[in-house]
Amino acid sequence: RWFPKKERTAAFIAEDYKLRKYLKKELFYAGVSNIIIERTAKKVRITIVTARPGIIIGKKGADIEKLKTTLNKMFKKDISLNIKEEKKAQASGQLAAENVATQLERRVAFRRAMKKVIQGALKSGAKGIKVSVSGRLGGAEMARTEWYLEGRVPLHTLRAKIDYGFAEAQTTYGIIGIKVWIFKGEVLAKGIQAEPKEEKRGGRKPRQKRGE
């Protein structure tokens, strides 16, 4: 969320990457689903969307002040932090991917980890979820990709609200990549309702008797 001059664009993109990488590493156990960076002429405002805001804020705001001071020294800019709570953590694509990665690093079976995340997302109100894992699954010699799909995930519909997340699990057999797509409904203009889709009924037509 910033619009700099052309000659400063590359520097700002590199700085944003370093900010996100540092915050994701330092606040990994806080369940950070999104980091929004806004820039003005002299200030940088960072909004951290997290499932556990108390871990970031700390007792009487001590931890967040410490983090703010560290960021100001590292990037030599006036940085302000805003913490926003993720109300439906199980319906967040990024948190779901990180959840699967954490389970795989704890040597939980990949199918069990995927199904657990899918059940949690559907219980929290998601209309569909797709989870894909790639790598040496279960310690196999050859890498492969497996995925599960529950509900509906229309990836080719422009008005579909899809929450995407990606994470990597560092296992003894190598890196396993996890991708998650969560369908939360369709985004429409005010006053416009989605047209209900006609359900196709299967089965054969009844046979006609002779003479009819």
N, C-alpha and C. Protein backbone atom coordinates (compact mmCIF):
# COMPACT_ATOMS: atom_id res chain seq x y z
N ARG A 1 0.83 -1.20 0.00
CA ARG A 1 0.00 0.00 0.00
C ARG A 1 0.87 1.25 0.00
N TRP A 2 1.61 1.44 -1.05
CA TRP A 2 2.43 2.63 -1.17
C TRP A 2 2.71 2.86 -2.65
N PHE A 3 2.94 4.12 -3.00
CA PHE A 3 3.16 4.51 -4.40
C PHE A 3 4.36 5.45 -4.46
N PRO A 4 5.58 4.90 -4.53
CA PRO A 4 6.78 5.74 -4.53
C PRO A 4 7.15 6.19 -5.95
N LYS A 5 8.20 6.97 -6.01
CA LYS A 5 8.75 7.33 -7.31
C LYS A 5 9.42 6.11 -7.93
N LYS A 6 9.55 6.13 -9.25
CA LYS A 6 10.03 4.97 -9.98
C LYS A 6 11.42 4.52 -9.52
N GLU A 7 12.29 5.48 -9.24
CA GLU A 7 13.67 5.12 -8.87
C GLU A 7 13.77 4.51 -7.46
N ARG A 8 12.72 4.63 -6.64
CA ARG A 8 12.76 4.10 -5.28
C ARG A 8 11.95 2.81 -5.12
N THR A 9 11.29 2.38 -6.17
CA THR A 9 10.42 1.20 -6.09
C THR A 9 11.20 -0.05 -5.69
N ALA A 10 12.33 -0.31 -6.35
CA ALA A 10 13.11 -1.52 -6.07
C ALA A 10 13.61 -1.56 -4.63
N ALA A 11 14.05 -0.41 -4.11
CA ALA A 11 14.55 -0.34 -2.73
C ALA A 11 13.43 -0.63 -1.73
N PHE A 12 12.24 -0.10 -2.00
CA PHE A 12 11.10 -0.32 -1.10
C PHE A 12 10.64 -1.78 -1.13
N ILE A 13 10.66 -2.40 -2.30
CA ILE A 13 10.26 -3.81 -2.40
C ILE A 13 11.23 -4.69 -1.62
N ALA A 14 12.53 -4.41 -1.74
CA ALA A 14 13.54 -5.17 -1.00
C ALA A 14 13.38 -4.97 0.51
N GLU A 15 13.07 -3.74 0.92
CA GLU A 15 12.88 -3.45 2.34
C GLU A 15 11.63 -4.14 2.88
N ASP A 16 10.56 -4.16 2.09
CA ASP A 16 9.34 -4.86 2.50
C ASP A 16 9.60 -6.35 2.68
N TYR A 17 10.39 -6.92 1.79
CA TYR A 17 10.71 -8.35 1.88
C TYR A 17 11.48 -8.65 3.17
N LYS A 18 12.45 -7.80 3.51
CA LYS A 18 13.22 -8.00 4.74
C LYS A 18 12.34 -7.84 5.98
N LEU A 19 11.43 -6.87 5.94
CA LEU A 19 10.51 -6.66 7.05
C LEU A 19 9.62 -7.89 7.28
N ARG A 20 9.02 -8.38 6.21
CA ARG A 20 8.13 -9.53 6.32
C ARG A 20 8.88 -10.78 6.79
N LYS A 21 10.08 -10.99 6.25
CA LYS A 21 10.87 -12.16 6.62
C LYS A 21 11.26 -12.11 8.10
N TYR A 22 11.66 -10.94 8.57
CA TYR A 22 12.06 -10.79 9.97
C TYR A 22 10.87 -10.99 10.90
N LEU A 23 9.73 -10.38 10.57
CA LEU A 23 8.55 -10.48 11.43
C LEU A 23 8.00 -11.90 11.46
N LYS A 24 7.99 -12.58 10.32
CA LYS A 24 7.49 -13.96 10.30
C LYS A 24 8.37 -14.88 11.14
N LYS A 25 9.68 -14.61 11.13
CA LYS A 25 10.60 -15.43 11.91
C LYS A 25 10.47 -15.15 13.40
N GLU A 26 10.41 -13.89 13.77
CA GLU A 26 10.34 -13.51 15.19
C GLU A 26 8.98 -13.84 15.81
N LEU A 27 7.91 -13.75 15.01
CA LEU A 27 6.55 -13.93 15.53
C LEU A 27 5.92 -15.21 15.01
N PHE A 28 6.73 -16.24 14.79
CA PHE A 28 6.20 -17.48 14.20
C PHE A 28 5.13 -18.11 15.07
N TYR A 29 5.36 -18.15 16.38
CA TYR A 29 4.42 -18.82 17.28
C TYR A 29 3.21 -17.96 17.62
N ALA A 30 3.14 -16.74 17.09
CA ALA A 30 1.98 -15.88 17.31
C ALA A 30 0.89 -16.11 16.28
N GLY A 31 1.16 -16.93 15.27
CA GLY A 31 0.15 -17.22 14.25
C GLY A 31 -0.16 -16.02 13.38
N VAL A 32 0.85 -15.46 12.72
CA VAL A 32 0.66 -14.28 11.86
C VAL A 32 0.12 -14.72 10.51
N SER A 33 -1.08 -14.24 10.16
CA SER A 33 -1.70 -14.63 8.88
C SER A 33 -1.42 -13.62 7.78
N ASN A 34 -1.18 -12.36 8.14
CA ASN A 34 -0.95 -11.33 7.11
C ASN A 34 -0.16 -10.17 7.71
N ILE A 35 0.66 -9.54 6.87
CA ILE A 35 1.43 -8.35 7.26
C ILE A 35 1.18 -7.28 6.20
N ILE A 36 0.57 -6.18 6.60
CA ILE A 36 0.23 -5.09 5.68
C ILE A 36 1.16 -3.92 5.96
N ILE A 37 1.88 -3.47 4.94
CA ILE A 37 2.85 -2.37 5.08
C ILE A 37 2.34 -1.15 4.31
N GLU A 38 2.21 -0.04 5.02
CA GLU A 38 1.78 1.23 4.43
C GLU A 38 2.88 2.26 4.63
N ARG A 39 3.13 3.05 3.61
CA ARG A 39 4.20 4.05 3.66
C ARG A 39 3.66 5.44 3.39
N THR A 40 4.16 6.40 4.15
CA THR A 40 3.92 7.81 3.88
C THR A 40 5.27 8.47 3.62
N ALA A 41 5.31 9.77 3.59
CA ALA A 41 6.56 10.47 3.29
C ALA A 41 7.65 10.19 4.32
N LYS A 42 7.27 10.10 5.60
CA LYS A 42 8.27 9.95 6.66
C LYS A 42 8.05 8.73 7.55
N LYS A 43 6.90 8.09 7.46
CA LYS A 43 6.59 7.00 8.37
C LYS A 43 6.27 5.71 7.63
N VAL A 44 6.44 4.60 8.35
CA VAL A 44 6.06 3.28 7.85
C VAL A 44 5.12 2.66 8.88
N ARG A 45 3.92 2.33 8.43
CA ARG A 45 2.92 1.74 9.33
C ARG A 45 2.75 0.27 8.97
N ILE A 46 2.92 -0.60 9.96
CA ILE A 46 2.81 -2.05 9.75
C ILE A 46 1.64 -2.59 10.55
N THR A 47 0.70 -3.23 9.86
CA THR A 47 -0.44 -3.88 10.51
C THR A 47 -0.20 -5.38 10.49
N ILE A 48 -0.16 -5.98 11.67
CA ILE A 48 0.09 -7.41 11.81
C ILE A 48 -1.22 -8.10 12.19
N VAL A 49 -1.71 -8.97 11.31
CA VAL A 49 -2.92 -9.74 11.58
C VAL A 49 -2.51 -11.07 12.19
N THR A 50 -2.91 -11.32 13.43
CA THR A 50 -2.43 -12.48 14.17
C THR A 50 -3.55 -13.17 14.92
N ALA A 51 -3.39 -14.48 15.10
CA ALA A 51 -4.37 -15.25 15.86
C ALA A 51 -4.13 -15.14 17.36
N ARG A 52 -2.93 -14.73 17.77
CA ARG A 52 -2.59 -14.61 19.19
C ARG A 52 -1.96 -13.24 19.46
N PRO A 53 -2.77 -12.20 19.54
CA PRO A 53 -2.21 -10.85 19.73
C PRO A 53 -1.50 -10.67 21.06
N GLY A 54 -1.89 -11.44 22.08
CA GLY A 54 -1.27 -11.30 23.39
C GLY A 54 0.21 -11.65 23.39
N ILE A 55 0.62 -12.60 22.54
CA ILE A 55 2.04 -12.98 22.46
C ILE A 55 2.88 -11.83 21.92
N ILE A 56 2.33 -11.08 20.95
CA ILE A 56 3.07 -9.96 20.36
C ILE A 56 3.10 -8.76 21.30
N ILE A 57 1.96 -8.46 21.91
CA ILE A 57 1.86 -7.27 22.77
C ILE A 57 2.65 -7.45 24.06
N GLY A 58 2.52 -8.63 24.68
CA GLY A 58 3.24 -8.89 25.92
C GLY A 58 2.58 -8.24 27.13
N LYS A 59 3.22 -8.38 28.28
CA LYS A 59 2.69 -7.83 29.52
C LYS A 59 2.81 -6.31 29.52
N LYS A 60 1.67 -5.63 29.60
CA LYS A 60 1.59 -4.16 29.61
C LYS A 60 2.24 -3.53 28.37
N GLY A 61 2.24 -4.28 27.25
CA GLY A 61 2.77 -3.75 26.00
C GLY A 61 4.28 -3.72 25.91
N ALA A 62 4.96 -4.48 26.77
CA ALA A 62 6.43 -4.44 26.80
C ALA A 62 7.05 -5.05 25.55
N ASP A 63 6.49 -6.18 25.10
CA ASP A 63 7.07 -6.89 23.95
C ASP A 63 6.91 -6.11 22.65
N ILE A 64 5.76 -5.47 22.47
CA ILE A 64 5.55 -4.73 21.22
C ILE A 64 6.43 -3.48 21.17
N GLU A 65 6.67 -2.86 22.31
CA GLU A 65 7.57 -1.70 22.35
C GLU A 65 9.01 -2.11 22.04
N LYS A 66 9.39 -3.28 22.55
CA LYS A 66 10.74 -3.81 22.27
C LYS A 66 10.90 -4.11 20.78
N LEU A 67 9.86 -4.69 20.18
CA LEU A 67 9.89 -5.01 18.75
C LEU A 67 9.94 -3.73 17.91
N LYS A 68 9.19 -2.74 18.32
CA LYS A 68 9.18 -1.46 17.60
C LYS A 68 10.55 -0.79 17.64
N THR A 69 11.20 -0.81 18.80
CA THR A 69 12.54 -0.22 18.95
C THR A 69 13.56 -0.95 18.07
N THR A 70 13.46 -2.28 18.03
CA THR A 70 14.38 -3.08 17.20
C THR A 70 14.22 -2.76 15.72
N LEU A 71 12.97 -2.64 15.27
CA LEU A 71 12.71 -2.33 13.86
C LEU A 71 13.20 -0.94 13.49
N ASN A 72 13.02 0.02 14.39
CA ASN A 72 13.50 1.38 14.13
C ASN A 72 15.02 1.43 13.98
N LYS A 73 15.73 0.63 14.79
CA LYS A 73 17.19 0.60 14.70
C LYS A 73 17.66 -0.13 13.45
N MET A 74 16.97 -1.21 13.09
CA MET A 74 17.38 -2.01 11.93
C MET A 74 17.19 -1.26 10.61
N PHE A 75 16.04 -0.60 10.47
CA PHE A 75 15.71 0.04 9.19
C PHE A 75 15.87 1.56 9.22
N LYS A 76 16.20 2.10 10.42
CA LYS A 76 16.46 3.53 10.56
C LYS A 76 15.31 4.39 10.02
N LYS A 77 14.09 4.00 10.42
CA LYS A 77 12.90 4.73 10.02
C LYS A 77 11.90 4.75 11.17
N ASP A 78 10.98 5.69 11.10
CA ASP A 78 9.93 5.79 12.12
C ASP A 78 8.85 4.77 11.79
N ILE A 79 8.85 3.65 12.50
CA ILE A 79 7.92 2.55 12.22
C ILE A 79 6.89 2.46 13.34
N SER A 80 5.62 2.41 12.97
CA SER A 80 4.53 2.22 13.94
C SER A 80 3.89 0.86 13.70
N LEU A 81 3.51 0.19 14.78
CA LEU A 81 2.93 -1.15 14.70
C LEU A 81 1.48 -1.13 15.13
N ASN A 82 0.65 -1.83 14.37
CA ASN A 82 -0.77 -1.97 14.69
C ASN A 82 -1.10 -3.46 14.69
N ILE A 83 -1.66 -3.95 15.78
CA ILE A 83 -1.97 -5.37 15.92
C ILE A 83 -3.47 -5.59 15.72
N LYS A 84 -3.80 -6.49 14.81
CA LYS A 84 -5.20 -6.82 14.51
C LYS A 84 -5.41 -8.32 14.71
N GLU A 85 -6.49 -8.67 15.40
CA GLU A 85 -6.74 -10.08 15.71
C GLU A 85 -7.40 -10.80 14.54
N GLU A 86 -6.92 -11.99 14.26
CA GLU A 86 -7.54 -12.87 13.26
C GLU A 86 -8.63 -13.67 13.97
N LYS A 87 -9.89 -13.30 13.72
CA LYS A 87 -10.99 -13.90 14.47
C LYS A 87 -11.23 -15.36 14.10
N LYS A 88 -11.07 -15.70 12.83
CA LYS A 88 -11.26 -17.08 12.39
C LYS A 88 -9.91 -17.63 11.90
N ALA A 89 -9.11 -18.05 12.85
CA ALA A 89 -7.75 -18.50 12.51
C ALA A 89 -7.76 -19.76 11.67
N GLN A 90 -8.73 -20.66 11.91
CA GLN A 90 -8.77 -21.92 11.17
C GLN A 90 -9.19 -21.73 9.72
N ALA A 91 -9.79 -20.56 9.40
CA ALA A 91 -10.21 -20.27 8.03
C ALA A 91 -9.19 -19.42 7.29
N SER A 92 -7.99 -19.27 7.84
CA SER A 92 -6.92 -18.52 7.20
C SER A 92 -6.03 -19.48 6.41
N GLY A 93 -5.83 -19.20 5.13
CA GLY A 93 -5.02 -20.07 4.30
C GLY A 93 -3.58 -20.17 4.76
N GLN A 94 -2.99 -19.03 5.14
CA GLN A 94 -1.60 -19.02 5.58
C GLN A 94 -1.41 -19.78 6.88
N LEU A 95 -2.31 -19.57 7.84
CA LEU A 95 -2.20 -20.27 9.13
C LEU A 95 -2.46 -21.76 8.96
N ALA A 96 -3.35 -22.12 8.05
CA ALA A 96 -3.61 -23.54 7.79
C ALA A 96 -2.37 -24.22 7.21
N ALA A 97 -1.69 -23.54 6.27
CA ALA A 97 -0.47 -24.09 5.68
C ALA A 97 0.63 -24.24 6.73
N GLU A 98 0.78 -23.24 7.59
CA GLU A 98 1.79 -23.30 8.64
C GLU A 98 1.46 -24.39 9.67
N ASN A 99 0.16 -24.61 9.89
CA ASN A 99 -0.27 -25.67 10.81
C ASN A 99 0.15 -27.04 10.29
N VAL A 100 -0.07 -27.27 9.00
CA VAL A 100 0.35 -28.54 8.38
C VAL A 100 1.87 -28.70 8.45
N ALA A 101 2.60 -27.61 8.18
CA ALA A 101 4.07 -27.65 8.22
C ALA A 101 4.57 -28.01 9.62
N THR A 102 3.97 -27.42 10.64
CA THR A 102 4.37 -27.70 12.02
C THR A 102 4.13 -29.16 12.37
N GLN A 103 2.99 -29.70 11.95
CA GLN A 103 2.68 -31.10 12.23
C GLN A 103 3.65 -32.04 11.51
N LEU A 104 4.00 -31.71 10.27
CA LEU A 104 4.94 -32.56 9.53
C LEU A 104 6.33 -32.55 10.18
N GLU A 105 6.74 -31.40 10.70
CA GLU A 105 8.03 -31.31 11.39
C GLU A 105 8.03 -32.11 12.69
N ARG A 106 6.83 -32.32 13.25
CA ARG A 106 6.70 -33.15 14.45
C ARG A 106 6.47 -34.62 14.11
N ARG A 107 6.66 -34.96 12.84
CA ARG A 107 6.56 -36.33 12.33
C ARG A 107 5.15 -36.90 12.41
N VAL A 108 4.15 -36.04 12.27
CA VAL A 108 2.77 -36.50 12.13
C VAL A 108 2.56 -36.93 10.69
N ALA A 109 1.79 -37.99 10.45
CA ALA A 109 1.53 -38.47 9.10
C ALA A 109 0.87 -37.36 8.27
N PHE A 110 1.33 -37.20 7.02
CA PHE A 110 0.87 -36.05 6.22
C PHE A 110 -0.62 -36.11 5.93
N ARG A 111 -1.19 -37.30 5.73
CA ARG A 111 -2.63 -37.40 5.47
C ARG A 111 -3.44 -36.99 6.70
N ARG A 112 -2.96 -37.38 7.85
CA ARG A 112 -3.64 -37.01 9.09
C ARG A 112 -3.59 -35.50 9.32
N ALA A 113 -2.43 -34.90 9.04
CA ALA A 113 -2.28 -33.45 9.20
C ALA A 113 -3.18 -32.68 8.25
N MET A 114 -3.29 -33.15 7.01
CA MET A 114 -4.14 -32.50 6.02
C MET A 114 -5.61 -32.58 6.41
N LYS A 115 -6.06 -33.75 6.83
CA LYS A 115 -7.46 -33.93 7.19
C LYS A 115 -7.85 -33.10 8.42
N LYS A 116 -6.92 -32.96 9.35
CA LYS A 116 -7.19 -32.17 10.55
C LYS A 116 -7.41 -30.71 10.21
N VAL A 117 -6.59 -30.17 9.31
CA VAL A 117 -6.73 -28.78 8.88
C VAL A 117 -8.02 -28.58 8.09
N ILE A 118 -8.37 -29.54 7.24
CA ILE A 118 -9.60 -29.45 6.45
C ILE A 118 -10.82 -29.42 7.36
N GLN A 119 -10.87 -30.29 8.35
CA GLN A 119 -12.00 -30.33 9.28
C GLN A 119 -12.14 -29.02 10.04
N GLY A 120 -11.01 -28.45 10.47
CA GLY A 120 -11.05 -27.18 11.20
C GLY A 120 -11.56 -26.04 10.35
N ALA A 121 -11.15 -25.98 9.08
CA ALA A 121 -11.59 -24.91 8.18
C ALA A 121 -13.07 -24.99 7.90
N LEU A 122 -13.58 -26.20 7.66
CA LEU A 122 -15.01 -26.36 7.37
C LEU A 122 -15.87 -26.05 8.59
N LYS A 123 -15.38 -26.38 9.78
CA LYS A 123 -16.12 -26.06 11.01
C LYS A 123 -16.20 -24.56 11.25
N SER A 124 -15.19 -23.82 10.80
CA SER A 124 -15.16 -22.37 11.02
C SER A 124 -15.95 -21.60 9.97
N GLY A 125 -16.59 -22.29 9.04
CA GLY A 125 -17.46 -21.61 8.08
C GLY A 125 -16.97 -21.55 6.66
N ALA A 126 -15.84 -22.15 6.34
CA ALA A 126 -15.34 -22.14 4.96
C ALA A 126 -16.24 -23.00 4.08
N LYS A 127 -16.43 -22.56 2.84
CA LYS A 127 -17.29 -23.30 1.90
C LYS A 127 -16.53 -24.37 1.13
N GLY A 128 -15.23 -24.31 1.20
CA GLY A 128 -14.41 -25.32 0.53
C GLY A 128 -12.95 -25.10 0.84
N ILE A 129 -12.16 -26.17 0.76
CA ILE A 129 -10.73 -26.07 1.03
C ILE A 129 -9.99 -27.14 0.23
N LYS A 130 -8.83 -26.75 -0.28
CA LYS A 130 -7.94 -27.67 -0.99
C LYS A 130 -6.56 -27.57 -0.37
N VAL A 131 -5.99 -28.71 -0.01
CA VAL A 131 -4.66 -28.76 0.60
C VAL A 131 -3.76 -29.64 -0.27
N SER A 132 -2.59 -29.12 -0.63
CA SER A 132 -1.64 -29.85 -1.46
C SER A 132 -0.28 -29.90 -0.77
N VAL A 133 0.32 -31.09 -0.74
CA VAL A 133 1.67 -31.25 -0.17
C VAL A 133 2.57 -31.89 -1.23
N SER A 134 3.81 -31.41 -1.31
CA SER A 134 4.76 -31.89 -2.33
C SER A 134 6.11 -32.14 -1.69
N GLY A 135 6.73 -33.26 -2.05
CA GLY A 135 8.05 -33.59 -1.54
C GLY A 135 8.18 -35.09 -1.31
N ARG A 136 9.15 -35.47 -0.51
CA ARG A 136 9.36 -36.88 -0.17
C ARG A 136 8.41 -37.25 0.96
N LEU A 137 7.17 -37.49 0.60
CA LEU A 137 6.11 -37.75 1.58
C LEU A 137 6.30 -39.11 2.22
N GLY A 138 6.28 -39.13 3.55
CA GLY A 138 6.45 -40.38 4.27
C GLY A 138 7.83 -40.99 4.13
N GLY A 139 8.82 -40.20 3.70
CA GLY A 139 10.17 -40.71 3.54
C GLY A 139 10.39 -41.48 2.26
N ALA A 140 9.49 -41.33 1.28
CA ALA A 140 9.63 -42.04 0.01
C ALA A 140 10.87 -41.55 -0.75
N GLU A 141 11.44 -42.44 -1.56
CA GLU A 141 12.65 -42.08 -2.32
C GLU A 141 12.35 -41.07 -3.42
N MET A 142 11.16 -41.18 -4.01
CA MET A 142 10.78 -40.27 -5.09
C MET A 142 9.77 -39.25 -4.60
N ALA A 143 10.01 -37.99 -4.92
CA ALA A 143 9.09 -36.93 -4.52
C ALA A 143 7.80 -37.01 -5.32
N ARG A 144 6.69 -36.64 -4.68
CA ARG A 144 5.40 -36.63 -5.36
C ARG A 144 4.50 -35.57 -4.74
N THR A 145 3.34 -35.39 -5.33
CA THR A 145 2.36 -34.41 -4.83
C THR A 145 1.05 -35.12 -4.54
N GLU A 146 0.49 -34.84 -3.38
CA GLU A 146 -0.83 -35.35 -3.02
C GLU A 146 -1.68 -34.19 -2.53
N TRP A 147 -2.99 -34.28 -2.81
CA TRP A 147 -3.88 -33.21 -2.37
C TRP A 147 -5.25 -33.76 -1.99
N TYR A 148 -5.92 -33.00 -1.13
CA TYR A 148 -7.29 -33.31 -0.71
C TYR A 148 -8.16 -32.10 -0.99
N LEU A 149 -9.39 -32.36 -1.37
CA LEU A 149 -10.35 -31.28 -1.64
C LEU A 149 -11.67 -31.61 -0.97
N GLU A 150 -12.18 -30.65 -0.19
CA GLU A 150 -13.49 -30.78 0.45
C GLU A 150 -14.31 -29.55 0.11
N GLY A 151 -15.56 -29.76 -0.29
CA GLY A 151 -16.41 -28.62 -0.65
C GLY A 151 -16.10 -28.14 -2.06
N ARG A 152 -16.24 -26.83 -2.27
CA ARG A 152 -16.04 -26.24 -3.60
C ARG A 152 -14.96 -25.17 -3.52
N VAL A 153 -13.99 -25.24 -4.43
CA VAL A 153 -12.91 -24.25 -4.50
C VAL A 153 -12.78 -23.80 -5.96
N PRO A 154 -13.56 -22.78 -6.39
CA PRO A 154 -13.53 -22.33 -7.79
C PRO A 154 -12.36 -21.38 -8.06
N LEU A 155 -11.24 -21.93 -8.48
CA LEU A 155 -10.04 -21.13 -8.70
C LEU A 155 -10.10 -20.28 -9.97
N HIS A 156 -11.04 -20.57 -10.87
CA HIS A 156 -11.15 -19.83 -12.13
C HIS A 156 -12.28 -18.80 -12.11
N THR A 157 -12.93 -18.62 -10.95
CA THR A 157 -14.00 -17.63 -10.82
C THR A 157 -13.43 -16.34 -10.26
N LEU A 158 -13.56 -15.25 -10.99
CA LEU A 158 -12.93 -13.99 -10.58
C LEU A 158 -13.53 -13.43 -9.30
N ARG A 159 -14.84 -13.60 -9.10
CA ARG A 159 -15.48 -13.03 -7.91
C ARG A 159 -15.38 -13.93 -6.68
N ALA A 160 -14.75 -15.09 -6.83
CA ALA A 160 -14.59 -15.99 -5.69
C ALA A 160 -13.52 -15.45 -4.73
N LYS A 161 -13.84 -15.46 -3.45
CA LYS A 161 -12.90 -15.00 -2.42
C LYS A 161 -12.08 -16.21 -1.95
N ILE A 162 -10.86 -16.29 -2.46
CA ILE A 162 -9.97 -17.41 -2.14
C ILE A 162 -8.83 -16.92 -1.25
N ASP A 163 -8.67 -17.56 -0.11
CA ASP A 163 -7.56 -17.24 0.80
C ASP A 163 -6.47 -18.29 0.58
N TYR A 164 -5.33 -17.84 0.05
CA TYR A 164 -4.23 -18.76 -0.30
C TYR A 164 -3.10 -18.65 0.71
N GLY A 165 -2.51 -19.79 1.01
CA GLY A 165 -1.37 -19.81 1.93
C GLY A 165 -0.32 -20.81 1.49
N PHE A 166 0.93 -20.50 1.80
CA PHE A 166 2.05 -21.39 1.45
C PHE A 166 3.03 -21.47 2.62
N ALA A 167 3.54 -22.67 2.86
CA ALA A 167 4.54 -22.87 3.92
C ALA A 167 5.45 -24.03 3.53
N GLU A 168 6.59 -24.11 4.20
CA GLU A 168 7.55 -25.19 3.97
C GLU A 168 7.87 -25.88 5.29
N ALA A 169 7.93 -27.20 5.24
CA ALA A 169 8.27 -27.99 6.42
C ALA A 169 9.68 -28.55 6.26
N GLN A 170 10.53 -28.30 7.24
CA GLN A 170 11.91 -28.81 7.22
C GLN A 170 11.92 -30.18 7.91
N THR A 171 11.92 -31.25 7.13
CA THR A 171 11.91 -32.60 7.68
C THR A 171 13.27 -33.27 7.48
N THR A 172 13.42 -34.45 8.08
CA THR A 172 14.69 -35.19 7.95
C THR A 172 14.89 -35.70 6.52
N TYR A 173 13.81 -35.77 5.74
CA TYR A 173 13.91 -36.25 4.36
C TYR A 173 14.00 -35.11 3.35
N GLY A 174 14.00 -33.89 3.84
CA GLY A 174 14.07 -32.74 2.94
C GLY A 174 12.91 -31.78 3.17
N ILE A 175 12.79 -30.81 2.29
CA ILE A 175 11.75 -29.79 2.41
C ILE A 175 10.46 -30.29 1.76
N ILE A 176 9.34 -30.09 2.47
CA ILE A 176 8.02 -30.41 1.93
C ILE A 176 7.23 -29.11 1.80
N GLY A 177 6.73 -28.84 0.61
CA GLY A 177 5.95 -27.63 0.37
C GLY A 177 4.47 -27.87 0.58
N ILE A 178 3.81 -26.92 1.23
CA ILE A 178 2.38 -27.02 1.52
C ILE A 178 1.66 -25.82 0.93
N LYS A 179 0.61 -26.09 0.16
CA LYS A 179 -0.24 -25.03 -0.40
C LYS A 179 -1.68 -25.25 0.06
N VAL A 180 -2.35 -24.16 0.42
CA VAL A 180 -3.73 -24.24 0.90
C VAL A 180 -4.57 -23.18 0.19
N TRP A 181 -5.72 -23.60 -0.32
CA TRP A 181 -6.71 -22.68 -0.89
C TRP A 181 -8.00 -22.83 -0.10
N ILE A 182 -8.53 -21.73 0.46
CA ILE A 182 -9.78 -21.76 1.21
C ILE A 182 -10.80 -20.85 0.53
N PHE A 183 -11.95 -21.41 0.18
CA PHE A 183 -13.02 -20.66 -0.48
C PHE A 183 -13.97 -20.13 0.59
N LYS A 184 -14.12 -18.79 0.64
CA LYS A 184 -14.95 -18.14 1.66
C LYS A 184 -16.25 -17.56 1.11
N GLY A 185 -16.53 -17.77 -0.16
CA GLY A 185 -17.75 -17.23 -0.76
C GLY A 185 -17.43 -16.33 -1.94
N GLU A 186 -18.47 -15.79 -2.54
CA GLU A 186 -18.30 -14.93 -3.71
C GLU A 186 -18.46 -13.46 -3.32
N VAL A 187 -17.61 -12.61 -3.87
CA VAL A 187 -17.65 -11.17 -3.61
C VAL A 187 -18.46 -10.52 -4.72
N LEU A 188 -19.60 -9.93 -4.36
CA LEU A 188 -20.49 -9.30 -5.32
C LEU A 188 -20.73 -7.85 -4.95
N ALA A 189 -21.18 -7.06 -5.92
CA ALA A 189 -21.52 -5.66 -5.65
C ALA A 189 -22.75 -5.59 -4.76
N LYS A 190 -22.94 -4.46 -4.09
CA LYS A 190 -24.07 -4.31 -3.18
C LYS A 190 -25.39 -4.41 -3.94
N GLY A 191 -26.31 -5.19 -3.38
CA GLY A 191 -27.62 -5.34 -3.99
C GLY A 191 -27.71 -6.45 -5.02
N ILE A 192 -26.57 -7.07 -5.36
CA ILE A 192 -26.56 -8.15 -6.35
C ILE A 192 -26.39 -9.47 -5.62
N GLN A 193 -27.27 -10.39 -5.91
CA GLN A 193 -27.21 -11.70 -5.27
C GLN A 193 -26.71 -12.74 -6.26
N ALA A 194 -26.02 -13.72 -5.74
CA ALA A 194 -25.51 -14.79 -6.59
C ALA A 194 -26.66 -15.65 -7.08
N GLU A 195 -26.63 -16.00 -8.36
CA GLU A 195 -27.68 -16.83 -8.93
C GLU A 195 -27.51 -18.26 -8.45
N PRO A 196 -28.60 -18.86 -7.93
CA PRO A 196 -28.49 -20.25 -7.47
C PRO A 196 -28.26 -21.20 -8.64
N LYS A 197 -27.35 -22.13 -8.46
CA LYS A 197 -27.03 -23.07 -9.53
C LYS A 197 -27.98 -24.26 -9.48
N GLU A 198 -28.44 -24.68 -10.67
CA GLU A 198 -29.34 -25.81 -10.76
C GLU A 198 -28.56 -27.10 -10.53
N GLU A 199 -29.13 -27.94 -9.68
CA GLU A 199 -28.48 -29.21 -9.38
C GLU A 199 -28.86 -30.24 -10.44
N LYS A 200 -27.87 -30.94 -10.94
CA LYS A 200 -28.11 -31.97 -11.94
C LYS A 200 -28.43 -33.28 -11.23
N ARG A 201 -29.54 -33.85 -11.62
CA ARG A 201 -29.95 -35.11 -11.02
C ARG A 201 -29.49 -36.28 -11.89
N GLY A 202 -28.86 -37.22 -11.26
CA GLY A 202 -28.38 -38.37 -12.01
C GLY A 202 -29.45 -39.43 -12.14
N GLY A 203 -29.08 -40.55 -12.72
CA GLY A 203 -30.03 -41.66 -12.88
C GLY A 203 -30.60 -41.73 -14.29
N ARG A 204 -31.12 -42.87 -14.63
CA ARG A 204 -31.69 -43.07 -15.96
C ARG A 204 -33.16 -42.69 -15.98
N LYS A 205 -33.66 -42.40 -17.18
CA LYS A 205 -35.08 -42.11 -17.35
C LYS A 205 -35.86 -43.41 -17.24
N PRO A 206 -37.10 -43.33 -16.71
CA PRO A 206 -37.91 -44.56 -16.61
C PRO A 206 -38.26 -45.11 -17.99
N ARG A 207 -38.22 -46.42 -18.12
CA ARG A 207 -38.54 -47.06 -19.40
C ARG A 207 -40.03 -46.97 -19.68
N GLN A 208 -40.36 -46.69 -20.93
CA GLN A 208 -41.76 -46.62 -21.32
C GLN A 208 -42.27 -48.00 -21.73
N LYS A 209 -43.50 -48.25 -21.39
CA LYS A 209 -44.11 -49.52 -21.77
C LYS A 209 -44.57 -49.47 -23.22
N ARG A 210 -44.69 -50.62 -23.82
CA ARG A 210 -45.14 -50.70 -25.21
C ARG A 210 -46.58 -50.23 -25.34
N GLY A 211 -46.83 -49.48 -26.40
CA GLY A 211 -48.19 -49.00 -26.65
C GLY A 211 -48.45 -47.63 -26.10
N GLU A 212 -47.49 -47.07 -25.30
CA GLU A 212 -47.69 -45.73 -24.75
C GLU A 212 -47.22 -44.67 -25.74
